[in-house]
C-alpha cells in the first residue's frame, strides 16, 4: 500500500480538564458584568427614581431639548409649560433631567 493509515493522537496540552477551559469564558463574563451591565442597571435605577420623584412645579428638560415647568402630573403623562400660555402634554418618560429651582426665570 502506498498510503499509510493516519491515527488520531491524544492532545498533549489538554490535561487541565473541563474547568480550566471555562475559566477564560467565566472571566470575560465577570468583566462584562462590571464594565457594562452593572453601570447600565445603576443608570436605569437613577432614572426611575427621578421620574417617580417628579412633582408639579419642577423645572425639567425633555429628550427633545425643551425646557419648562411641570403644571400637571398624571400616571404616565405630564403637562409642561414652555412659555406663559404655552403648554405641551407629553409622556413622563421623555423627561431626561430635573433642573435646579429658579433656572427658568422667564416662566
N, C-alpha and C. Protein backbone atom coordinates (compact mmCIF):
# COMPACT_ATOMS: atom_id res chain seq x y z
N UNK A 1 0.81 -1.17 0.00
CA UNK A 1 0.00 0.00 0.00
C UNK A 1 0.87 1.25 0.00
N UNK A 2 0.46 2.20 -0.73
CA UNK A 2 1.25 3.41 -0.85
C UNK A 2 0.89 4.44 0.21
N UNK A 3 -0.34 4.39 0.73
CA UNK A 3 -0.77 5.38 1.71
C UNK A 3 -0.91 4.68 3.06
N UNK A 4 -0.25 5.23 4.08
CA UNK A 4 -0.35 4.63 5.41
C UNK A 4 -1.55 5.20 6.14
N UNK A 5 -2.08 4.45 7.08
CA UNK A 5 -3.24 4.89 7.87
C UNK A 5 -2.82 5.98 8.86
N UNK A 6 -3.67 6.98 9.02
CA UNK A 6 -3.41 8.06 9.98
C UNK A 6 -4.30 7.86 11.19
N UNK A 7 -3.71 7.88 12.35
CA UNK A 7 -4.47 7.70 13.58
C UNK A 7 -4.41 8.99 14.40
N UNK A 8 -5.50 9.28 15.11
CA UNK A 8 -5.57 10.49 15.93
C UNK A 8 -4.68 10.34 17.14
N UNK A 9 -4.02 11.39 17.47
CA UNK A 9 -3.16 11.38 18.64
C UNK A 9 -3.86 12.15 19.76
N UNK A 10 -3.56 11.78 20.99
CA UNK A 10 -4.10 12.49 22.15
C UNK A 10 -3.45 13.86 22.25
N UNK A 11 -4.24 14.87 22.59
CA UNK A 11 -3.71 16.22 22.72
C UNK A 11 -2.86 16.28 23.98
N UNK A 12 -1.67 16.77 23.84
CA UNK A 12 -0.75 16.81 24.98
C UNK A 12 -1.01 17.96 25.94
N UNK A 13 -1.61 19.09 25.47
CA UNK A 13 -1.79 20.26 26.32
C UNK A 13 -3.14 20.32 27.01
N UNK A 14 -4.04 19.39 26.78
CA UNK A 14 -5.39 19.45 27.34
C UNK A 14 -5.55 18.57 28.57
N UNK A 15 -4.57 18.56 29.40
CA UNK A 15 -4.65 17.72 30.60
C UNK A 15 -5.29 18.46 31.77
N UNK A 16 -5.65 19.74 31.63
CA UNK A 16 -6.22 20.54 32.70
C UNK A 16 -7.66 20.19 33.04
N UNK A 17 -8.36 19.55 32.17
CA UNK A 17 -9.74 19.18 32.44
C UNK A 17 -10.71 20.21 31.91
N UNK A 18 -11.99 19.98 32.19
CA UNK A 18 -13.05 20.83 31.66
C UNK A 18 -13.11 22.20 32.30
N UNK A 19 -12.82 22.30 33.59
CA UNK A 19 -12.93 23.58 34.30
C UNK A 19 -11.91 24.59 33.79
N UNK A 20 -10.73 24.15 33.48
CA UNK A 20 -9.68 25.06 33.01
C UNK A 20 -10.04 25.69 31.67
N UNK A 21 -10.81 25.00 30.86
CA UNK A 21 -11.18 25.57 29.57
C UNK A 21 -12.30 26.60 29.71
N UNK A 22 -13.06 26.58 30.82
CA UNK A 22 -14.15 27.52 31.03
C UNK A 22 -13.71 28.78 31.80
N UNK A 23 -12.54 28.78 32.39
CA UNK A 23 -12.08 29.93 33.18
C UNK A 23 -12.00 31.21 32.35
N UNK A 24 -11.46 31.20 31.13
CA UNK A 24 -11.46 32.45 30.34
C UNK A 24 -12.87 32.96 30.03
N UNK A 25 -13.80 32.06 29.75
CA UNK A 25 -15.18 32.44 29.47
C UNK A 25 -15.83 33.06 30.70
N UNK A 26 -15.62 32.47 31.85
CA UNK A 26 -16.17 32.99 33.10
C UNK A 26 -15.55 34.35 33.42
N UNK A 27 -14.26 34.48 33.22
CA UNK A 27 -13.56 35.74 33.46
C UNK A 27 -14.08 36.85 32.54
N UNK A 28 -14.34 36.54 31.27
CA UNK A 28 -14.88 37.53 30.35
C UNK A 28 -16.28 37.96 30.77
N UNK A 29 -17.12 37.05 31.26
CA UNK A 29 -18.46 37.40 31.71
C UNK A 29 -18.39 38.31 32.94
N UNK A 30 -17.49 38.03 33.87
CA UNK A 30 -17.34 38.87 35.06
C UNK A 30 -16.92 40.28 34.68
N UNK A 31 -15.97 40.40 33.77
CA UNK A 31 -15.52 41.73 33.32
C UNK A 31 -16.67 42.45 32.61
N UNK A 32 -17.40 41.74 31.76
CA UNK A 32 -18.54 42.33 31.06
C UNK A 32 -19.59 42.83 32.04
N UNK A 33 -19.84 42.08 33.09
CA UNK A 33 -20.83 42.48 34.09
C UNK A 33 -20.43 43.78 34.77
N UNK A 34 -19.18 43.87 35.21
CA UNK A 34 -18.75 45.06 35.95
C UNK A 34 -18.50 46.27 35.05
N UNK A 35 -18.21 46.06 33.78
CA UNK A 35 -17.92 47.18 32.88
C UNK A 35 -19.17 47.69 32.18
N UNK A 36 -20.12 46.80 31.83
CA UNK A 36 -21.26 47.23 31.03
C UNK A 36 -22.60 47.06 31.73
N UNK A 37 -22.88 45.91 32.26
CA UNK A 37 -24.22 45.60 32.76
C UNK A 37 -24.52 46.35 34.05
N UNK A 38 -23.63 46.31 35.01
CA UNK A 38 -23.88 46.95 36.31
C UNK A 38 -24.06 48.46 36.21
N UNK A 39 -23.21 49.20 35.48
CA UNK A 39 -23.44 50.64 35.35
C UNK A 39 -24.75 50.98 34.65
N UNK A 40 -25.16 50.18 33.66
CA UNK A 40 -26.42 50.43 32.97
C UNK A 40 -27.59 50.22 33.91
N UNK A 41 -27.55 49.21 34.74
CA UNK A 41 -28.63 48.97 35.72
C UNK A 41 -28.69 50.12 36.72
N UNK A 42 -27.54 50.66 37.11
CA UNK A 42 -27.50 51.78 38.05
C UNK A 42 -28.13 53.02 37.43
N UNK A 43 -27.82 53.30 36.14
CA UNK A 43 -28.41 54.44 35.45
C UNK A 43 -29.92 54.30 35.32
N UNK A 44 -30.40 53.09 35.03
CA UNK A 44 -31.84 52.86 34.92
C UNK A 44 -32.53 53.08 36.25
N UNK A 45 -31.91 52.66 37.33
CA UNK A 45 -32.49 52.85 38.65
C UNK A 45 -32.56 54.33 39.01
N UNK A 46 -31.50 55.09 38.71
CA UNK A 46 -31.49 56.52 38.99
C UNK A 46 -32.57 57.24 38.17
N UNK A 47 -32.75 56.87 36.90
CA UNK A 47 -33.77 57.47 36.05
C UNK A 47 -35.17 57.16 36.58
N UNK A 48 -35.39 55.92 36.99
CA UNK A 48 -36.69 55.52 37.55
C UNK A 48 -36.99 56.31 38.82
N UNK A 49 -35.99 56.48 39.69
CA UNK A 49 -36.19 57.25 40.93
C UNK A 49 -36.48 58.72 40.61
N UNK A 50 -35.80 59.28 39.60
CA UNK A 50 -36.04 60.68 39.22
C UNK A 50 -37.46 60.86 38.70
N UNK A 51 -37.93 59.92 37.85
CA UNK A 51 -39.28 60.03 37.31
C UNK A 51 -40.33 59.85 38.38
N UNK A 52 -40.08 59.00 39.36
CA UNK A 52 -41.03 58.81 40.46
C UNK A 52 -41.09 60.04 41.37
N UNK A 53 -40.01 60.81 41.43
CA UNK A 53 -39.94 61.96 42.33
C UNK A 53 -40.41 63.26 41.67
N UNK A 54 -40.85 63.20 40.41
CA UNK A 54 -41.32 64.42 39.75
C UNK A 54 -42.53 64.99 40.47
N UNK A 55 -42.60 66.32 40.54
CA UNK A 55 -43.72 66.99 41.20
C UNK A 55 -44.11 68.22 40.39
N UNK A 56 -45.30 68.70 40.63
CA UNK A 56 -45.77 69.92 39.97
C UNK A 56 -44.88 71.08 40.41
N UNK A 57 -44.43 71.87 39.43
CA UNK A 57 -43.55 72.99 39.71
C UNK A 57 -42.09 72.70 39.43
N UNK A 58 -41.74 71.43 39.22
CA UNK A 58 -40.35 71.09 38.88
C UNK A 58 -40.02 71.62 37.49
N UNK A 59 -38.79 72.07 37.33
CA UNK A 59 -38.30 72.53 36.03
C UNK A 59 -37.52 71.39 35.41
N UNK A 60 -37.90 71.01 34.17
CA UNK A 60 -37.35 69.81 33.56
C UNK A 60 -36.83 70.09 32.16
N UNK A 61 -36.00 69.17 31.67
CA UNK A 61 -35.52 69.15 30.30
C UNK A 61 -36.01 67.84 29.69
N UNK A 62 -36.54 67.90 28.46
CA UNK A 62 -37.07 66.70 27.81
C UNK A 62 -36.03 66.13 26.84
N UNK A 63 -36.37 64.99 26.26
CA UNK A 63 -35.49 64.34 25.30
C UNK A 63 -35.24 65.24 24.10
N UNK A 64 -36.26 65.98 23.68
CA UNK A 64 -36.13 66.87 22.53
C UNK A 64 -35.43 68.18 22.83
N UNK A 65 -35.05 68.42 24.08
CA UNK A 65 -34.34 69.63 24.44
C UNK A 65 -35.24 70.75 24.92
N UNK A 66 -36.54 70.49 25.05
CA UNK A 66 -37.45 71.51 25.54
C UNK A 66 -37.28 71.67 27.05
N UNK A 67 -37.29 72.91 27.51
CA UNK A 67 -37.19 73.18 28.94
C UNK A 67 -38.47 73.87 29.39
N UNK A 68 -38.99 73.42 30.52
CA UNK A 68 -40.21 74.03 31.01
C UNK A 68 -40.52 73.58 32.43
N UNK A 69 -41.67 74.06 32.92
CA UNK A 69 -42.10 73.76 34.29
C UNK A 69 -43.32 72.83 34.23
N UNK A 70 -43.34 71.82 35.07
CA UNK A 70 -44.45 70.87 35.11
C UNK A 70 -45.66 71.56 35.74
N UNK A 71 -46.81 71.49 35.03
CA UNK A 71 -48.04 72.08 35.56
C UNK A 71 -49.05 71.02 35.97
N UNK A 72 -49.07 69.90 35.28
CA UNK A 72 -49.98 68.80 35.59
C UNK A 72 -49.20 67.50 35.57
N UNK A 73 -49.48 66.64 36.54
CA UNK A 73 -48.76 65.39 36.65
C UNK A 73 -49.76 64.26 36.82
N UNK A 74 -49.71 63.29 35.89
CA UNK A 74 -50.58 62.11 35.97
C UNK A 74 -49.69 60.88 35.96
N UNK A 75 -50.30 59.69 35.89
CA UNK A 75 -49.52 58.45 35.98
C UNK A 75 -48.41 58.37 34.93
N UNK A 76 -48.79 58.48 33.66
CA UNK A 76 -47.80 58.32 32.59
C UNK A 76 -47.59 59.59 31.77
N UNK A 77 -48.37 60.63 32.04
CA UNK A 77 -48.29 61.86 31.25
C UNK A 77 -48.08 63.07 32.15
N UNK A 78 -47.40 64.05 31.59
CA UNK A 78 -47.22 65.33 32.29
C UNK A 78 -47.55 66.45 31.32
N UNK A 79 -47.88 67.60 31.87
CA UNK A 79 -48.06 68.80 31.06
C UNK A 79 -46.97 69.77 31.46
N UNK A 80 -46.23 70.23 30.47
CA UNK A 80 -45.09 71.12 30.71
C UNK A 80 -45.41 72.48 30.10
N UNK A 81 -45.24 73.53 30.89
CA UNK A 81 -45.43 74.90 30.41
C UNK A 81 -44.08 75.41 29.91
N UNK A 82 -44.01 75.63 28.59
CA UNK A 82 -42.77 76.08 27.97
C UNK A 82 -42.61 77.59 28.10
N UNK A 83 -43.67 78.32 27.80
CA UNK A 83 -43.75 79.77 27.94
C UNK A 83 -45.10 80.06 28.57
N UNK A 84 -45.29 81.25 29.12
CA UNK A 84 -46.61 81.55 29.68
C UNK A 84 -47.71 81.39 28.62
N UNK A 85 -48.66 80.51 28.90
CA UNK A 85 -49.74 80.25 27.98
C UNK A 85 -49.47 79.14 26.98
N UNK A 86 -48.27 78.59 26.94
CA UNK A 86 -47.92 77.52 26.01
C UNK A 86 -47.62 76.26 26.81
N UNK A 87 -48.54 75.29 26.73
CA UNK A 87 -48.37 74.04 27.46
C UNK A 87 -48.33 72.87 26.48
N UNK A 88 -47.52 71.89 26.81
CA UNK A 88 -47.37 70.70 25.98
C UNK A 88 -47.59 69.48 26.85
N UNK A 89 -48.42 68.55 26.36
CA UNK A 89 -48.64 67.30 27.08
C UNK A 89 -47.70 66.25 26.49
N UNK A 90 -46.98 65.55 27.34
CA UNK A 90 -46.02 64.55 26.87
C UNK A 90 -45.92 63.40 27.86
N UNK A 91 -45.24 62.36 27.44
CA UNK A 91 -45.04 61.21 28.31
C UNK A 91 -44.03 61.55 29.39
N UNK A 92 -44.26 60.93 30.54
CA UNK A 92 -43.36 61.16 31.68
C UNK A 92 -41.94 60.67 31.36
N UNK A 93 -41.84 59.61 30.57
CA UNK A 93 -40.53 59.04 30.27
C UNK A 93 -39.69 59.92 29.35
N UNK A 94 -40.26 60.99 28.79
CA UNK A 94 -39.48 61.86 27.93
C UNK A 94 -38.66 62.88 28.72
N UNK A 95 -38.80 62.91 30.02
CA UNK A 95 -38.01 63.81 30.86
C UNK A 95 -36.62 63.19 31.06
N UNK A 96 -35.59 63.97 30.76
CA UNK A 96 -34.23 63.47 30.92
C UNK A 96 -33.53 64.04 32.15
N UNK A 97 -33.92 65.25 32.57
CA UNK A 97 -33.25 65.85 33.73
C UNK A 97 -34.19 66.81 34.43
N UNK A 98 -33.99 66.94 35.73
CA UNK A 98 -34.71 67.93 36.53
C UNK A 98 -33.72 69.04 36.83
N UNK A 99 -34.10 70.27 36.49
CA UNK A 99 -33.22 71.42 36.69
C UNK A 99 -33.37 71.95 38.11
N UNK A 100 -32.36 72.64 38.61
CA UNK A 100 -32.48 73.28 39.93
C UNK A 100 -33.57 74.36 39.89
N UNK A 101 -34.22 74.57 41.02
CA UNK A 101 -35.27 75.58 41.11
C UNK A 101 -34.74 76.95 40.74
N UNK A 102 -35.49 77.71 39.97
CA UNK A 102 -35.09 79.05 39.58
C UNK A 102 -34.26 79.12 38.32
N UNK A 103 -34.02 77.99 37.65
CA UNK A 103 -33.24 78.01 36.42
C UNK A 103 -33.99 78.73 35.32
N UNK A 104 -35.28 78.48 35.22
CA UNK A 104 -36.10 79.12 34.19
C UNK A 104 -36.78 80.35 34.80
N UNK A 105 -36.26 81.50 34.54
CA UNK A 105 -36.78 82.74 35.16
C UNK A 105 -37.90 83.37 34.37
N UNK A 106 -37.96 83.12 33.04
CA UNK A 106 -38.94 83.80 32.23
C UNK A 106 -40.33 83.17 32.33
N UNK A 107 -40.48 82.03 32.93
CA UNK A 107 -41.81 81.43 33.07
C UNK A 107 -42.44 81.88 34.36
